[in-house]
Amino acid sequence: MSGIPRVVAGGALALAVAACAVIAYAEHEHDGVLAARRVPATAAPTVAAVPAAAPAPPGLPEISYWRAAPGFPRDPAAHSLAPVTEGLRPHRKIAAYDAPGGRARAWLPRSISGMPVTVPIVERRPGWFAVLMPSVNRRVAWVPETSGTVRPLRDQLVVDLSERRLTWLRDGRTHDDWTVAIGASRTPTPLGRTYVMGRTTTRGGVYAGLDALVLGAVPDDRDAVAASLRAGHTAIHAWHDKSTFGRSVSNGCIRVPPKVQRTLLRHLPGGVVLTVVE
């Protein structure tokens, strides 16, 4: 019987509960007479209030491949390498807020450019999840925890710019790593954590005929890249020329050998976090 004290006295078990105090019994040392004494009741655990989700106002913009609405907070742990082990798959289009119980800033759809949305859960508060944002760098949104299905994420990617190295971790342990090409000094690979949105087809033999893994990150300086790429995302993709690996030469994307890209395409689902460090 949880929460009820049990004291053995004179061979008998005494149990008593009152609204504000527990009456326990103890035997006097000399006369064997049972006398009552008051023991303060254990305080009930405090239950944190769950902030209500305000209705989404009319005219709310929808997050797309091309844009994300302003007003969302910065990722408070943008450079953390701690594993992110859960992702949220929305049931339907859901409102994304700037704080638990805060202001709805945008709609997060169930798919973006044909890629099913699974957003990594990077923080929990009562009734709410903070998730990484797509189409903008180092920002989070808050969504009610009832907004979708929580899915496990076993994998994690880390790109070390100083070593030009991509490391694949599974269940918190290094599974493999490779030398890769990263963004040039004028068009660097964006720092911080983002995630794999999904895969898309590529055109041209330079990509070895393999799909690319689209990341949530976009160029930090869109004006620095070619006009045709300014609205695009960074990605992990294959590259035909092996002499590029170990160098800083791309428009911000992570170029990998074709064999590596086949491995990543085979094993990495949407929602996997990638953190870029210096």
C-alpha atoms as a PDB file:
ATOM      1  CA  MET A   1       0.000   0.000   0.000  1.00  0.00           C
ATOM      2  CA  SER A   2       2.032   2.917  -1.277  1.00  0.00           C
ATOM      3  CA  GLY A   3       2.487   6.051   0.836  1.00  0.00           C
ATOM      4  CA  ILE A   4       1.227   4.540   4.134  1.00  0.00           C
ATOM      5  CA  PRO A   5       3.861   4.164   6.878  1.00  0.00           C
ATOM      6  CA  ARG A   6       4.150   0.797   8.619  1.00  0.00           C
ATOM      7  CA  VAL A   7       5.435   0.655  12.204  1.00  0.00           C
ATOM      8  CA  VAL A   8       5.625  -2.616  14.165  1.00  0.00           C
ATOM      9  CA  ALA A   9       4.848  -2.196  17.864  1.00  0.00           C
ATOM     10  CA  GLY A  10       4.260  -4.935  20.428  1.00  0.00           C
ATOM     11  CA  GLY A  11       3.965  -7.536  17.644  1.00  0.00           C
ATOM     12  CA  ALA A  12       1.075  -5.659  15.970  1.00  0.00           C
ATOM     13  CA  LEU A  13       1.145  -3.678  12.691  1.00  0.00           C
ATOM     14  CA  ALA A  14      -0.388  -0.201  13.077  1.00  0.00           C
ATOM     15  CA  LEU A  15      -1.648   1.663   9.989  1.00  0.00           C
ATOM     16  CA  ALA A  16      -3.503   4.966  10.034  1.00  0.00           C
ATOM     17  CA  VAL A  17      -3.942   7.814   7.566  1.00  0.00           C
ATOM     18  CA  ALA A  18      -5.431  11.255   8.173  1.00  0.00           C
ATOM     19  CA  ALA A  19      -5.998  14.132   5.764  1.00  0.00           C
ATOM     20  CA  CYS A  20      -3.196  16.347   7.024  1.00  0.00           C
ATOM     21  CA  ALA A  21      -1.113  14.034   9.186  1.00  0.00           C
ATOM     22  CA  VAL A  22      -0.298  10.380   9.694  1.00  0.00           C
ATOM     23  CA  ILE A  23      -1.036   8.907  13.142  1.00  0.00           C
ATOM     24  CA  ALA A  24       1.728   6.410  13.921  1.00  0.00           C
ATOM     25  CA  TYR A  25       2.145   4.385  17.094  1.00  0.00           C
ATOM     26  CA  ALA A  26       5.291   3.712  19.091  1.00  0.00           C
ATOM     27  CA  GLU A  27       5.709   1.626  22.239  1.00  0.00           C
ATOM     28  CA  HIS A  28       6.990   3.332  25.392  1.00  0.00           C
ATOM     29  CA  GLU A  29      10.294   1.891  26.391  1.00  0.00           C
ATOM     30  CA  HIS A  30       9.346   1.168  30.046  1.00  0.00           C
ATOM     31  CA  ASP A  31       5.621   0.640  30.492  1.00  0.00           C
ATOM     32  CA  GLY A  32       4.629  -1.089  27.258  1.00  0.00           C
ATOM     33  CA  VAL A  33       1.742   1.361  26.731  1.00  0.00           C
ATOM     34  CA  LEU A  34       1.069   2.432  23.154  1.00  0.00           C
ATOM     35  CA  ALA A  35       0.985   6.196  22.786  1.00  0.00           C
ATOM     36  CA  ALA A  36       0.072   8.179  19.705  1.00  0.00           C
ATOM     37  CA  ARG A  37       2.348  10.758  18.125  1.00  0.00           C
ATOM     38  CA  ARG A  38       1.830  12.890  15.059  1.00  0.00           C
ATOM     39  CA  VAL A  39       4.080  12.532  12.021  1.00  0.00           C
ATOM     40  CA  PRO A  40       3.851  15.217   9.320  1.00  0.00           C
ATOM     41  CA  ALA A  41       2.277  13.900   6.139  1.00  0.00           C
ATOM     42  CA  THR A  42       4.471  13.657   3.058  1.00  0.00           C
ATOM     43  CA  ALA A  43       3.665  16.501   0.667  1.00  0.00           C
ATOM     44  CA  ALA A  44       2.096  15.481  -2.639  1.00  0.00           C
ATOM     45  CA  PRO A  45       4.444  15.890  -5.606  1.00  0.00           C
ATOM     46  CA  THR A  46       4.004  19.135  -7.510  1.00  0.00           C
ATOM     47  CA  VAL A  47       2.567  18.639 -10.981  1.00  0.00           C
ATOM     48  CA  ALA A  48       3.779  21.234 -13.476  1.00  0.00           C
ATOM     49  CA  ALA A  49       1.040  23.006 -15.370  1.00  0.00           C
ATOM     50  CA  VAL A  50       0.920  22.314 -19.087  1.00  0.00           C
ATOM     51  CA  PRO A  51       0.697  25.578 -21.059  1.00  0.00           C
ATOM     52  CA  ALA A  52      -2.244  25.503 -23.431  1.00  0.00           C
ATOM     53  CA  ALA A  53      -1.680  25.785 -27.183  1.00  0.00           C
ATOM     54  CA  ALA A  54      -3.330  28.952 -28.434  1.00  0.00           C
ATOM     55  CA  PRO A  55      -5.346  28.601 -31.649  1.00  0.00           C
ATOM     56  CA  ALA A  56      -3.363  29.373 -34.786  1.00  0.00           C
ATOM     57  CA  PRO A  57      -4.293  32.803 -36.150  1.00  0.00           C
ATOM     58  CA  PRO A  58      -5.600  33.163 -39.699  1.00  0.00           C
ATOM     59  CA  GLY A  59      -3.068  33.719 -42.451  1.00  0.00           C
ATOM     60  CA  LEU A  60      -0.275  31.757 -40.753  1.00  0.00           C
ATOM     61  CA  PRO A  61       2.524  30.948 -43.254  1.00  0.00           C
ATOM     62  CA  GLU A  62       3.497  27.371 -44.007  1.00  0.00           C
ATOM     63  CA  ILE A  63       7.082  26.150 -43.701  1.00  0.00           C
ATOM     64  CA  SER A  64       8.303  24.937 -47.082  1.00  0.00           C
ATOM     65  CA  TYR A  65      11.516  23.911 -48.785  1.00  0.00           C
ATOM     66  CA  TRP A  66      12.005  27.512 -49.834  1.00  0.00           C
ATOM     67  CA  ARG A  67      11.265  29.395 -46.643  1.00  0.00           C
ATOM     68  CA  ALA A  68      10.701  29.312 -42.903  1.00  0.00           C
ATOM     69  CA  ALA A  69       8.764  31.956 -40.999  1.00  0.00           C
ATOM     70  CA  PRO A  70      10.690  34.341 -38.694  1.00  0.00           C
ATOM     71  CA  GLY A  71      10.233  34.647 -34.946  1.00  0.00           C
ATOM     72  CA  PHE A  72      11.403  31.227 -33.779  1.00  0.00           C
ATOM     73  CA  PRO A  73      13.999  31.016 -30.963  1.00  0.00           C
ATOM     74  CA  ARG A  74      17.619  30.019 -31.432  1.00  0.00           C
ATOM     75  CA  ASP A  75      18.635  26.447 -30.792  1.00  0.00           C
ATOM     76  CA  PRO A  76      20.054  26.695 -27.239  1.00  0.00           C
ATOM     77  CA  ALA A  77      22.403  23.750 -27.855  1.00  0.00           C
ATOM     78  CA  ALA A  78      23.219  24.257 -31.522  1.00  0.00           C
ATOM     79  CA  HIS A  79      26.717  22.755 -31.200  1.00  0.00           C
ATOM     80  CA  SER A  80      25.844  19.893 -28.882  1.00  0.00           C
ATOM     81  CA  LEU A  81      27.048  16.419 -29.813  1.00  0.00           C
ATOM     82  CA  ALA A  82      24.649  14.726 -27.403  1.00  0.00           C
ATOM     83  CA  PRO A  83      22.649  12.042 -29.221  1.00  0.00           C
ATOM     84  CA  VAL A  84      19.128  12.994 -30.274  1.00  0.00           C
ATOM     85  CA  THR A  85      17.214   9.746 -30.038  1.00  0.00           C
ATOM     86  CA  GLU A  86      13.635  10.692 -30.948  1.00  0.00           C
ATOM     87  CA  GLY A  87      11.836  12.373 -33.802  1.00  0.00           C
ATOM     88  CA  LEU A  88       8.262  13.561 -34.246  1.00  0.00           C
ATOM     89  CA  ARG A  89       6.204  12.516 -37.269  1.00  0.00           C
ATOM     90  CA  PRO A  90       3.219  14.925 -37.416  1.00  0.00           C
ATOM     91  CA  HIS A  91      -0.253  13.423 -37.700  1.00  0.00           C
ATOM     92  CA  ARG A  92      -1.243  16.297 -39.977  1.00  0.00           C
ATOM     93  CA  LYS A  93      -0.274  19.912 -40.619  1.00  0.00           C
ATOM     94  CA  ILE A  94       0.475  21.347 -37.167  1.00  0.00           C
ATOM     95  CA  ALA A  95       1.027  24.800 -35.717  1.00  0.00           C
ATOM     96  CA  ALA A  96       4.594  25.570 -34.620  1.00  0.00           C
ATOM     97  CA  TYR A  97       5.051  27.943 -31.664  1.00  0.00           C
ATOM     98  CA  ASP A  98       7.855  30.192 -30.432  1.00  0.00           C
ATOM     99  CA  ALA A  99       7.554  28.855 -26.845  1.00  0.00           C
ATOM    100  CA  PRO A 100       5.432  26.366 -24.883  1.00  0.00           C
ATOM    101  CA  GLY A 101       2.018  28.017 -24.844  1.00  0.00           C
ATOM    102  CA  GLY A 102       3.481  30.894 -26.853  1.00  0.00           C
ATOM    103  CA  ARG A 103       2.608  32.387 -30.208  1.00  0.00           C
ATOM    104  CA  ALA A 104       1.975  30.230 -33.266  1.00  0.00           C
ATOM    105  CA  ARG A 105       4.371  31.389 -35.972  1.00  0.00           C
ATOM    106  CA  ALA A 106       3.908  28.940 -38.843  1.00  0.00           C
ATOM    107  CA  TRP A 107       2.366  25.696 -40.006  1.00  0.00           C
ATOM    108  CA  LEU A 108       4.637  22.668 -40.106  1.00  0.00           C
ATOM    109  CA  PRO A 109       3.314  20.380 -42.858  1.00  0.00           C
ATOM    110  CA  ARG A 110       3.363  16.596 -42.892  1.00  0.00           C
ATOM    111  CA  SER A 111       5.612  16.601 -45.967  1.00  0.00           C
ATOM    112  CA  ILE A 112       7.924  19.153 -47.574  1.00  0.00           C
ATOM    113  CA  SER A 113       8.618  18.894 -51.312  1.00  0.00           C
ATOM    114  CA  GLY A 114       7.538  15.270 -51.234  1.00  0.00           C
ATOM    115  CA  MET A 115       9.743  14.381 -48.251  1.00  0.00           C
ATOM    116  CA  PRO A 116       7.818  13.051 -45.209  1.00  0.00           C
ATOM    117  CA  VAL A 117       8.523  15.267 -42.215  1.00  0.00           C
ATOM    118  CA  THR A 118      10.232  13.791 -39.149  1.00  0.00           C
ATOM    119  CA  VAL A 119      11.665  16.532 -36.942  1.00  0.00           C
ATOM    120  CA  PRO A 120      14.206  15.714 -34.190  1.00  0.00           C
ATOM    121  CA  ILE A 121      13.027  16.300 -30.620  1.00  0.00           C
ATOM    122  CA  VAL A 122      15.809  18.223 -28.870  1.00  0.00           C
ATOM    123  CA  GLU A 123      14.030  19.278 -25.656  1.00  0.00           C
ATOM    124  CA  ARG A 124      10.954  18.306 -23.651  1.00  0.00           C
ATOM    125  CA  ARG A 125       8.775  20.324 -21.318  1.00  0.00           C
ATOM    126  CA  PRO A 126       5.428  19.260 -19.839  1.00  0.00           C
ATOM    127  CA  GLY A 127       3.089  18.800 -22.788  1.00  0.00           C
ATOM    128  CA  TRP A 128       5.530  20.197 -25.367  1.00  0.00           C
ATOM    129  CA  PHE A 129       8.463  19.244 -27.619  1.00  0.00           C
ATOM    130  CA  ALA A 130      11.163  21.507 -29.034  1.00  0.00           C
ATOM    131  CA  VAL A 131      12.058  20.342 -32.548  1.00  0.00           C
ATOM    132  CA  LEU A 132      14.724  21.397 -35.023  1.00  0.00           C
ATOM    133  CA  MET A 133      13.430  23.640 -37.778  1.00  0.00           C
ATOM    134  CA  PRO A 134      13.813  22.961 -41.500  1.00  0.00           C
ATOM    135  CA  SER A 135      14.728  25.647 -44.046  1.00  0.00           C
ATOM    136  CA  VAL A 136      16.480  27.858 -41.493  1.00  0.00           C
ATOM    137  CA  ASN A 137      19.684  27.416 -39.507  1.00  0.00           C
ATOM    138  CA  ARG A 138      19.991  26.825 -35.758  1.00  0.00           C
ATOM    139  CA  ARG A 139      16.358  27.489 -34.824  1.00  0.00           C
ATOM    140  CA  VAL A 140      13.796  25.436 -32.936  1.00  0.00           C
ATOM    141  CA  ALA A 141      10.011  25.399 -32.796  1.00  0.00           C
ATOM    142  CA  TRP A 142       7.750  24.219 -29.996  1.00  0.00           C
ATOM    143  CA  VAL A 143       4.861  21.874 -30.763  1.00  0.00           C
ATOM    144  CA  PRO A 144       2.334  20.130 -28.502  1.00  0.00           C
ATOM    145  CA  GLU A 145       3.431  16.581 -27.716  1.00  0.00           C
ATOM    146  CA  THR A 146       0.096  15.303 -29.029  1.00  0.00           C
ATOM    147  CA  SER A 147       0.923  16.630 -32.501  1.00  0.00           C
ATOM    148  CA  GLY A 148       2.318  13.395 -33.870  1.00  0.00           C
ATOM    149  CA  THR A 149       3.951  10.032 -33.373  1.00  0.00           C
ATOM    150  CA  VAL A 150       7.321   9.797 -31.617  1.00  0.00           C
ATOM    151  CA  ARG A 151       9.800   7.616 -33.507  1.00  0.00           C
ATOM    152  CA  PRO A 152      13.202   6.354 -32.368  1.00  0.00           C
ATOM    153  CA  LEU A 153      16.359   7.715 -34.012  1.00  0.00           C
ATOM    154  CA  ARG A 154      19.355   5.400 -33.675  1.00  0.00           C
ATOM    155  CA  ASP A 155      21.772   7.267 -35.936  1.00  0.00           C
ATOM    156  CA  GLN A 156      23.770  10.481 -35.693  1.00  0.00           C
ATOM    157  CA  LEU A 157      26.141  12.263 -38.088  1.00  0.00           C
ATOM    158  CA  VAL A 158      29.012  14.604 -37.200  1.00  0.00           C
ATOM    159  CA  VAL A 159      31.041  16.634 -39.691  1.00  0.00           C
ATOM    160  CA  ASP A 160      34.372  17.958 -38.413  1.00  0.00           C
ATOM    161  CA  LEU A 161      35.348  20.814 -40.718  1.00  0.00           C
ATOM    162  CA  SER A 162      38.938  20.972 -39.475  1.00  0.00           C
ATOM    163  CA  GLU A 163      39.510  17.320 -40.392  1.00  0.00           C
ATOM    164  CA  ARG A 164      37.138  17.210 -43.395  1.00  0.00           C
ATOM    165  CA  ARG A 165      35.660  14.096 -41.819  1.00  0.00           C
ATOM    166  CA  LEU A 166      32.147  12.678 -41.634  1.00  0.00           C
ATOM    167  CA  THR A 167      31.441  10.305 -38.743  1.00  0.00           C
ATOM    168  CA  TRP A 168      28.411   8.038 -38.580  1.00  0.00           C
ATOM    169  CA  LEU A 169      27.329   6.954 -35.091  1.00  0.00           C
ATOM    170  CA  ARG A 170      24.723   4.332 -34.275  1.00  0.00           C
ATOM    171  CA  ASP A 171      23.333   3.988 -30.754  1.00  0.00           C
ATOM    172  CA  GLY A 172      25.977   6.452 -29.557  1.00  0.00           C
ATOM    173  CA  ARG A 173      28.977   4.548 -30.937  1.00  0.00           C
ATOM    174  CA  THR A 174      31.086   5.232 -34.001  1.00  0.00           C
ATOM    175  CA  HIS A 175      29.923   2.981 -36.809  1.00  0.00           C
ATOM    176  CA  ASP A 176      32.137   4.376 -39.589  1.00  0.00           C
ATOM    177  CA  ASP A 177      33.876   7.552 -40.732  1.00  0.00           C
ATOM    178  CA  TRP A 178      35.179   8.950 -44.000  1.00  0.00           C
ATOM    179  CA  THR A 179      37.195  11.810 -45.472  1.00  0.00           C
ATOM    180  CA  VAL A 180      34.849  14.156 -47.335  1.00  0.00           C
ATOM    181  CA  ALA A 181      34.771  17.517 -49.102  1.00  0.00           C
ATOM    182  CA  ILE A 182      33.174  20.520 -47.393  1.00  0.00           C
ATOM    183  CA  GLY A 183      32.217  24.090 -48.232  1.00  0.00           C
ATOM    184  CA  ALA A 184      34.764  26.557 -49.515  1.00  0.00           C
ATOM    185  CA  SER A 185      35.767  29.564 -47.407  1.00  0.00           C
ATOM    186  CA  ARG A 186      33.367  31.790 -49.354  1.00  0.00           C
ATOM    187  CA  THR A 187      30.495  29.288 -49.114  1.00  0.00           C
ATOM    188  CA  PRO A 188      31.121  27.349 -45.883  1.00  0.00           C
ATOM    189  CA  THR A 189      29.114  24.396 -44.664  1.00  0.00           C
ATOM    190  CA  PRO A 190      26.788  25.899 -42.001  1.00  0.00           C
ATOM    191  CA  LEU A 191      27.878  25.202 -38.432  1.00  0.00           C
ATOM    192  CA  GLY A 192      25.598  23.698 -35.805  1.00  0.00           C
ATOM    193  CA  ARG A 193      23.067  20.929 -35.807  1.00  0.00           C
ATOM    194  CA  THR A 194      20.513  20.265 -38.487  1.00  0.00           C
ATOM    195  CA  TYR A 195      18.943  17.055 -39.712  1.00  0.00           C
ATOM    196  CA  VAL A 196      18.271  14.852 -42.715  1.00  0.00           C
ATOM    197  CA  MET A 197      14.956  15.928 -44.244  1.00  0.00           C
ATOM    198  CA  GLY A 198      14.909  13.143 -46.832  1.00  0.00           C
ATOM    199  CA  ARG A 199      16.290  12.267 -50.236  1.00  0.00           C
ATOM    200  CA  THR A 200      15.978  13.818 -53.659  1.00  0.00           C
ATOM    201  CA  THR A 201      17.116  12.909 -57.150  1.00  0.00           C
ATOM    202  CA  THR A 202      20.144  14.561 -58.768  1.00  0.00           C
ATOM    203  CA  ARG A 203      21.048  15.392 -62.338  1.00  0.00           C
ATOM    204  CA  GLY A 204      24.402  14.930 -63.970  1.00  0.00           C
ATOM    205  CA  GLY A 205      27.237  12.435 -63.842  1.00  0.00           C
ATOM    206  CA  VAL A 206      29.105  14.435 -61.187  1.00  0.00           C
ATOM    207  CA  TYR A 207      26.671  13.004 -58.610  1.00  0.00           C
ATOM    208  CA  ALA A 208      27.381   9.420 -59.743  1.00  0.00           C
ATOM    209  CA  GLY A 209      23.713   8.922 -60.525  1.00  0.00           C
ATOM    210  CA  LEU A 210      22.799   8.753 -56.817  1.00  0.00           C
ATOM    211  CA  ASP A 211      20.161  10.570 -54.794  1.00  0.00           C
ATOM    212  CA  ALA A 212      21.218  13.324 -52.388  1.00  0.00           C
ATOM    213  CA  LEU A 213      20.295  13.504 -48.705  1.00  0.00           C
ATOM    214  CA  VAL A 214      18.688  16.904 -48.202  1.00  0.00           C
ATOM    215  CA  LEU A 215      19.554  18.675 -44.947  1.00  0.00           C
ATOM    216  CA  GLY A 216      17.423  21.186 -43.088  1.00  0.00           C
ATOM    217  CA  ALA A 217      20.254  23.736 -43.291  1.00  0.00           C
ATOM    218  CA  VAL A 218      20.482  26.467 -45.935  1.00  0.00           C
ATOM    219  CA  PRO A 219      23.503  28.601 -46.920  1.00  0.00           C
ATOM    220  CA  ASP A 220      24.320  31.126 -44.194  1.00  0.00           C
ATOM    221  CA  ASP A 221      25.106  33.671 -46.894  1.00  0.00           C
ATOM    222  CA  ARG A 222      22.803  33.028 -49.814  1.00  0.00           C
ATOM    223  CA  ASP A 223      24.373  35.824 -51.858  1.00  0.00           C
ATOM    224  CA  ALA A 224      27.726  34.028 -51.781  1.00  0.00           C
ATOM    225  CA  VAL A 225      26.504  31.084 -53.856  1.00  0.00           C
ATOM    226  CA  ALA A 226      25.493  31.005 -57.491  1.00  0.00           C
ATOM    227  CA  ALA A 227      22.082  32.514 -58.209  1.00  0.00           C
ATOM    228  CA  SER A 228      20.688  29.121 -59.213  1.00  0.00           C
ATOM    229  CA  LEU A 229      21.568  27.686 -55.774  1.00  0.00           C
ATOM    230  CA  ARG A 230      20.475  30.503 -53.474  1.00  0.00           C
ATOM    231  CA  ALA A 231      17.072  29.027 -52.716  1.00  0.00           C
ATOM    232  CA  GLY A 232      18.454  25.532 -52.172  1.00  0.00           C
ATOM    233  CA  HIS A 233      19.455  23.525 -49.136  1.00  0.00           C
ATOM    234  CA  THR A 234      22.777  22.022 -48.211  1.00  0.00           C
ATOM    235  CA  ALA A 235      22.975  18.272 -48.722  1.00  0.00           C
ATOM    236  CA  ILE A 236      25.106  15.174 -48.510  1.00  0.00           C
ATOM    237  CA  HIS A 237      25.734  13.867 -52.008  1.00  0.00           C
ATOM    238  CA  ALA A 238      28.100  11.687 -53.989  1.00  0.00           C
ATOM    239  CA  TRP A 239      30.888  13.187 -56.084  1.00  0.00           C
ATOM    240  CA  HIS A 240      32.586  11.640 -59.073  1.00  0.00           C
ATOM    241  CA  ASP A 241      36.097  13.104 -58.624  1.00  0.00           C
ATOM    242  CA  LYS A 242      37.967  11.516 -55.704  1.00  0.00           C
ATOM    243  CA  SER A 243      40.590  14.274 -55.736  1.00  0.00           C
ATOM    244  CA  THR A 244      38.037  16.602 -54.112  1.00  0.00           C
ATOM    245  CA  PHE A 245      37.912  14.672 -50.827  1.00  0.00           C
ATOM    246  CA  GLY A 246      39.798  16.244 -47.947  1.00  0.00           C
ATOM    247  CA  ARG A 247      39.364  19.727 -49.423  1.00  0.00           C
ATOM    248  CA  SER A 248      37.148  22.777 -48.872  1.00  0.00           C
ATOM    249  CA  VAL A 249      35.664  23.252 -52.337  1.00  0.00           C
ATOM    250  CA  SER A 250      31.868  22.938 -52.340  1.00  0.00           C
ATOM    251  CA  ASN A 251      29.010  25.433 -52.182  1.00  0.00           C
ATOM    252  CA  GLY A 252      28.338  24.261 -48.636  1.00  0.00           C
ATOM    253  CA  CYS A 253      27.296  20.684 -49.361  1.00  0.00           C
ATOM    254  CA  ILE A 254      29.127  17.632 -48.047  1.00  0.00           C
ATOM    255  CA  ARG A 255      30.575  15.591 -50.904  1.00  0.00           C
ATOM    256  CA  VAL A 256      31.210  11.912 -50.263  1.00  0.00           C
ATOM    257  CA  PRO A 257      32.508   8.979 -52.330  1.00  0.00           C
ATOM    258  CA  PRO A 258      29.752   7.110 -54.222  1.00  0.00           C
ATOM    259  CA  LYS A 259      30.222   3.999 -52.087  1.00  0.00           C
ATOM    260  CA  VAL A 260      29.659   6.053 -48.935  1.00  0.00           C
ATOM    261  CA  GLN A 261      26.539   7.675 -50.378  1.00  0.00           C
ATOM    262  CA  ARG A 262      25.064   4.267 -51.173  1.00  0.00           C
ATOM    263  CA  THR A 263      25.639   3.246 -47.553  1.00  0.00           C
ATOM    264  CA  LEU A 264      24.023   6.390 -46.160  1.00  0.00           C
ATOM    265  CA  LEU A 265      21.041   6.127 -48.495  1.00  0.00           C
ATOM    266  CA  ARG A 266      20.512   2.543 -47.448  1.00  0.00           C
ATOM    267  CA  HIS A 267      20.654   3.123 -43.690  1.00  0.00           C
ATOM    268  CA  LEU A 268      19.683   6.689 -42.760  1.00  0.00           C
ATOM    269  CA  PRO A 269      16.006   7.651 -42.368  1.00  0.00           C
ATOM    270  CA  GLY A 270      14.610  11.159 -42.227  1.00  0.00           C
ATOM    271  CA  GLY A 271      15.063  12.925 -38.897  1.00  0.00           C
ATOM    272  CA  VAL A 272      18.672  11.899 -38.268  1.00  0.00           C
ATOM    273  CA  VAL A 273      20.614  14.789 -36.715  1.00  0.00           C
ATOM    274  CA  LEU A 274      23.817  16.064 -38.327  1.00  0.00           C
ATOM    275  CA  THR A 275      26.049  18.389 -36.327  1.00  0.00           C
ATOM    276  CA  VAL A 276      28.775  20.432 -38.039  1.00  0.00           C
ATOM    277  CA  VAL A 277      31.697  21.401 -35.787  1.00  0.00           C
ATOM    278  CA  GLU A 278      34.978  23.215 -36.342  1.00  0.00           C
END
